[in-house]
Amino acid sequence: MKKPFFEASLYSIRNRSGFGADITDLGGAVVSLLVPDRGGRLIDVALGWRDPAEYLNNPGCLGELVGRVANRIGGARFTLDGVEYRLRPNENGNLLHGGMVWFRRFWRAELVDAATLRLHLTSPDGEYGFPGRVEVTVTYRVTDDNCFEIDYLAEPDRPTLINLTNHTYFNLNGEATADTADHQVISRARRITAVDSDLIPTGEVRSTAGTPYDLSCWRSLSELRNALPRGYDCNVVVGDEDETFKPDVITVRSPRTGIVLSVSTTAPGVQFYMGGMMIDPPQGKAGAYGPYAGFCLETQHWPDAPHHAGFPSIRFTPEHPYRQRSVYRFGIEQ
């Protein structure tokens, strides 16, 4: 179903039981995600704006597709094939989320069927300083077993850097509750990419054993808030290479609703961000969102990869385009 509004359009994809998502072609953003709780009631677990116009000014990147390079590039510069490229910094002299320009762009949308939406965007040569033109296709799909799948394909016309993700904020109690303190998280990952005070990786891939970042057993988000100054905001290492599917790498559950969210991905990392820097955003669909109103599970390559030879490469070419697949599987814990 397509509903025109503002200058954007809203597309709804659903499975046979009503599980599904509402997505706007403005920024390719996930506006709503309807998931059954333990009582069978569909609740919206994705933070978003009431008015699609808000997606033109989306400082928290709510729900949006992020590129060309998600996360951070230190010093807003990189060298590729012997050539240095200078980007326009947008956070403490660094580049965050590719300049955060894609949320102002309209994606070409095709509703393939009732459960599938395909979006396409052309990123021109030189956009925000990145070389080459890139044709990007993102496919959103819902399945009958309540999975929300995202397939990414980015085809450059010359060697360039690519690292795409989706920036949905989840709240398994329902987006209107505006707090996730009672949520619990566990992960198969045992390493993180260590960062400095500006959240730029130092190059060290650090074991989480015995540290506040250890997610090897269930931990509440309130506990993590108390243990970490800004809560969790870190790249969790789920593999050393991309393009291999890694099942159930990180799982979050809500004791209140019984909803369990588990992420599987071909990406080598997941940025687990608890939303601690959400400060004074516009009104959401059911009220104001403040810090920790939602958390992100951003499947991605490791941040600042161009500056660290030991990190998985984000250099892609016409012969080797960027591909990523991520599956957000929802279930119920009784």
Foldseek 3Di string as FASTA:
>chain_A
DWDDDDPKIWAWAADPLRFTFIFIQQQRFTAWTWDQFPVGHTFTFWWHAPHLVCLLPCVLLARGKFDQAAAKAPQQWFADPRDIWHFDPDAPNINHRLNPPSNRDGWDWDDPDRFKIKTWDWDQACRRGWGFIKIKIWMWGADPQGKTKIKIWIATAFKTFGKMWTWIFTAPVHLLVQAQQQKKKAFPFQWFQDADPSRAGPQDTDGCPPALPHRHDIDGQNSQVVRDVQGAFTKGFQDQEFPDKAWQGMKMAHPVRQKIKGKIKRARIWGKAQQSPADPDPAISNGDHRRRSGIGTIRIFHPNVSVHPSGYGRIAGNVGIDIMMMMIGMDGDD
